[in-house]
Amino acid sequence: MESRTHDAATRAELERFAELPLTQELNGILHFLTQRGGLTVTQLAASIGVSVASASRYCASLESWGLVHKTRSDGDGRAVEV
């Protein structure tokens, strides 16, 4: 029974994900973050070759859809980690 519940939850999550307006850029950033996570927005920007402002906007979009979480860095309270 638990397997069916898990399968239904997985299907629902995939359907929700499929409905998001993910651009190629956002999908690439999401994939990059799943591989590397724990980066500051500044580090992400440098890694993907965009401005910090653009990286911040991308992360805000992903966060609004519940795909990433931003937190203050333990080492530097001014920095935001994704």
C-alpha atoms as a PDB file:
ATOM      1  CA  MET A   1       0.000   0.000   0.000  1.00  0.00           C
ATOM      2  CA  GLU A   2       2.820   2.401   0.864  1.00  0.00           C
ATOM      3  CA  SER A   3       4.287   1.946  -2.619  1.00  0.00           C
ATOM      4  CA  ARG A   4       1.026   3.114  -4.235  1.00  0.00           C
ATOM      5  CA  THR A   5       0.942   6.175  -1.987  1.00  0.00           C
ATOM      6  CA  HIS A   6       4.546   6.973  -2.894  1.00  0.00           C
ATOM      7  CA  ASP A   7       3.844   6.453  -6.615  1.00  0.00           C
ATOM      8  CA  ALA A   8       0.809   8.767  -6.444  1.00  0.00           C
ATOM      9  CA  ALA A   9       2.842  11.432  -4.627  1.00  0.00           C
ATOM     10  CA  THR A  10       5.623  11.123  -7.176  1.00  0.00           C
ATOM     11  CA  ARG A  11       3.167  11.460 -10.072  1.00  0.00           C
ATOM     12  CA  ALA A  12       1.562  14.505  -8.474  1.00  0.00           C
ATOM     13  CA  GLU A  13       4.964  16.114  -7.979  1.00  0.00           C
ATOM     14  CA  LEU A  14       5.987  15.406 -11.581  1.00  0.00           C
ATOM     15  CA  GLU A  15       2.712  16.868 -12.858  1.00  0.00           C
ATOM     16  CA  ARG A  16       3.243  20.003 -10.753  1.00  0.00           C
ATOM     17  CA  PHE A  17       6.816  20.274 -12.009  1.00  0.00           C
ATOM     18  CA  ALA A  18       5.706  19.876 -15.643  1.00  0.00           C
ATOM     19  CA  GLU A  19       3.294  22.811 -15.266  1.00  0.00           C
ATOM     20  CA  LEU A  20       5.994  25.256 -14.102  1.00  0.00           C
ATOM     21  CA  PRO A  21       7.159  27.834 -16.648  1.00  0.00           C
ATOM     22  CA  LEU A  22      10.781  26.634 -16.519  1.00  0.00           C
ATOM     23  CA  THR A  23      12.921  28.131 -19.244  1.00  0.00           C
ATOM     24  CA  GLN A  24      15.966  26.311 -20.544  1.00  0.00           C
ATOM     25  CA  GLU A  25      18.127  28.625 -18.419  1.00  0.00           C
ATOM     26  CA  LEU A  26      16.181  27.934 -15.218  1.00  0.00           C
ATOM     27  CA  ASN A  27      16.167  24.207 -15.880  1.00  0.00           C
ATOM     28  CA  GLY A  28      19.942  24.299 -16.392  1.00  0.00           C
ATOM     29  CA  ILE A  29      20.450  26.287 -13.193  1.00  0.00           C
ATOM     30  CA  LEU A  30      18.234  23.894 -11.253  1.00  0.00           C
ATOM     31  CA  HIS A  31      20.234  20.946 -12.586  1.00  0.00           C
ATOM     32  CA  PHE A  32      23.507  22.721 -11.721  1.00  0.00           C
ATOM     33  CA  LEU A  33      22.294  23.398  -8.174  1.00  0.00           C
ATOM     34  CA  THR A  34      21.238  19.786  -7.650  1.00  0.00           C
ATOM     35  CA  GLN A  35      24.770  18.758  -8.568  1.00  0.00           C
ATOM     36  CA  ARG A  36      26.635  21.461  -6.645  1.00  0.00           C
ATOM     37  CA  GLY A  37      24.195  22.938  -4.041  1.00  0.00           C
ATOM     38  CA  GLY A  38      25.308  24.993  -1.077  1.00  0.00           C
ATOM     39  CA  LEU A  39      26.619  27.856  -3.189  1.00  0.00           C
ATOM     40  CA  THR A  40      26.183  31.517  -2.471  1.00  0.00           C
ATOM     41  CA  VAL A  41      24.330  33.490  -5.116  1.00  0.00           C
ATOM     42  CA  THR A  42      27.657  35.191  -5.959  1.00  0.00           C
ATOM     43  CA  GLN A  43      29.355  31.807  -6.452  1.00  0.00           C
ATOM     44  CA  LEU A  44      26.450  30.598  -8.578  1.00  0.00           C
ATOM     45  CA  ALA A  45      26.645  33.728 -10.738  1.00  0.00           C
ATOM     46  CA  ALA A  46      30.385  33.247 -11.297  1.00  0.00           C
ATOM     47  CA  SER A  47      29.925  29.539 -12.048  1.00  0.00           C
ATOM     48  CA  ILE A  48      27.247  30.047 -14.691  1.00  0.00           C
ATOM     49  CA  GLY A  49      28.618  33.300 -16.128  1.00  0.00           C
ATOM     50  CA  VAL A  50      25.833  35.740 -15.259  1.00  0.00           C
ATOM     51  CA  SER A  51      25.599  38.835 -13.077  1.00  0.00           C
ATOM     52  CA  VAL A  52      24.788  38.466  -9.390  1.00  0.00           C
ATOM     53  CA  ALA A  53      21.521  40.331 -10.035  1.00  0.00           C
ATOM     54  CA  SER A  54      20.517  37.807 -12.719  1.00  0.00           C
ATOM     55  CA  ALA A  55      21.464  34.839 -10.530  1.00  0.00           C
ATOM     56  CA  SER A  56      19.437  36.341  -7.702  1.00  0.00           C
ATOM     57  CA  ARG A  57      16.374  36.715  -9.968  1.00  0.00           C
ATOM     58  CA  TYR A  58      16.747  33.138 -11.222  1.00  0.00           C
ATOM     59  CA  CYS A  59      16.975  31.858  -7.651  1.00  0.00           C
ATOM     60  CA  ALA A  60      13.956  33.938  -6.601  1.00  0.00           C
ATOM     61  CA  SER A  61      11.894  32.319  -9.371  1.00  0.00           C
ATOM     62  CA  LEU A  62      13.024  28.823  -8.413  1.00  0.00           C
ATOM     63  CA  GLU A  63      12.354  29.553  -4.747  1.00  0.00           C
ATOM     64  CA  SER A  64       8.853  30.901  -5.462  1.00  0.00           C
ATOM     65  CA  TRP A  65       8.005  27.539  -7.037  1.00  0.00           C
ATOM     66  CA  GLY A  66       9.441  25.650  -4.055  1.00  0.00           C
ATOM     67  CA  LEU A  67      12.331  24.169  -6.031  1.00  0.00           C
ATOM     68  CA  VAL A  68      15.187  25.713  -4.033  1.00  0.00           C
ATOM     69  CA  HIS A  69      15.628  27.310  -0.634  1.00  0.00           C
ATOM     70  CA  LYS A  70      17.720  30.377   0.117  1.00  0.00           C
ATOM     71  CA  THR A  71      19.291  30.810   3.543  1.00  0.00           C
ATOM     72  CA  ARG A  72      21.738  33.233   5.124  1.00  0.00           C
ATOM     73  CA  SER A  73      25.288  31.916   5.123  1.00  0.00           C
ATOM     74  CA  ASP A  74      26.582  30.816   8.512  1.00  0.00           C
ATOM     75  CA  GLY A  75      30.012  32.222   7.685  1.00  0.00           C
ATOM     76  CA  ASP A  76      28.838  35.582   6.331  1.00  0.00           C
ATOM     77  CA  GLY A  77      25.425  36.852   7.362  1.00  0.00           C
ATOM     78  CA  ARG A  78      25.294  39.082   4.278  1.00  0.00           C
ATOM     79  CA  ALA A  79      25.678  36.165   1.853  1.00  0.00           C
ATOM     80  CA  VAL A  80      22.758  34.028   0.717  1.00  0.00           C
ATOM     81  CA  GLU A  81      23.231  30.328  -0.004  1.00  0.00           C
ATOM     82  CA  VAL A  82      21.049  28.377  -2.402  1.00  0.00           C
END
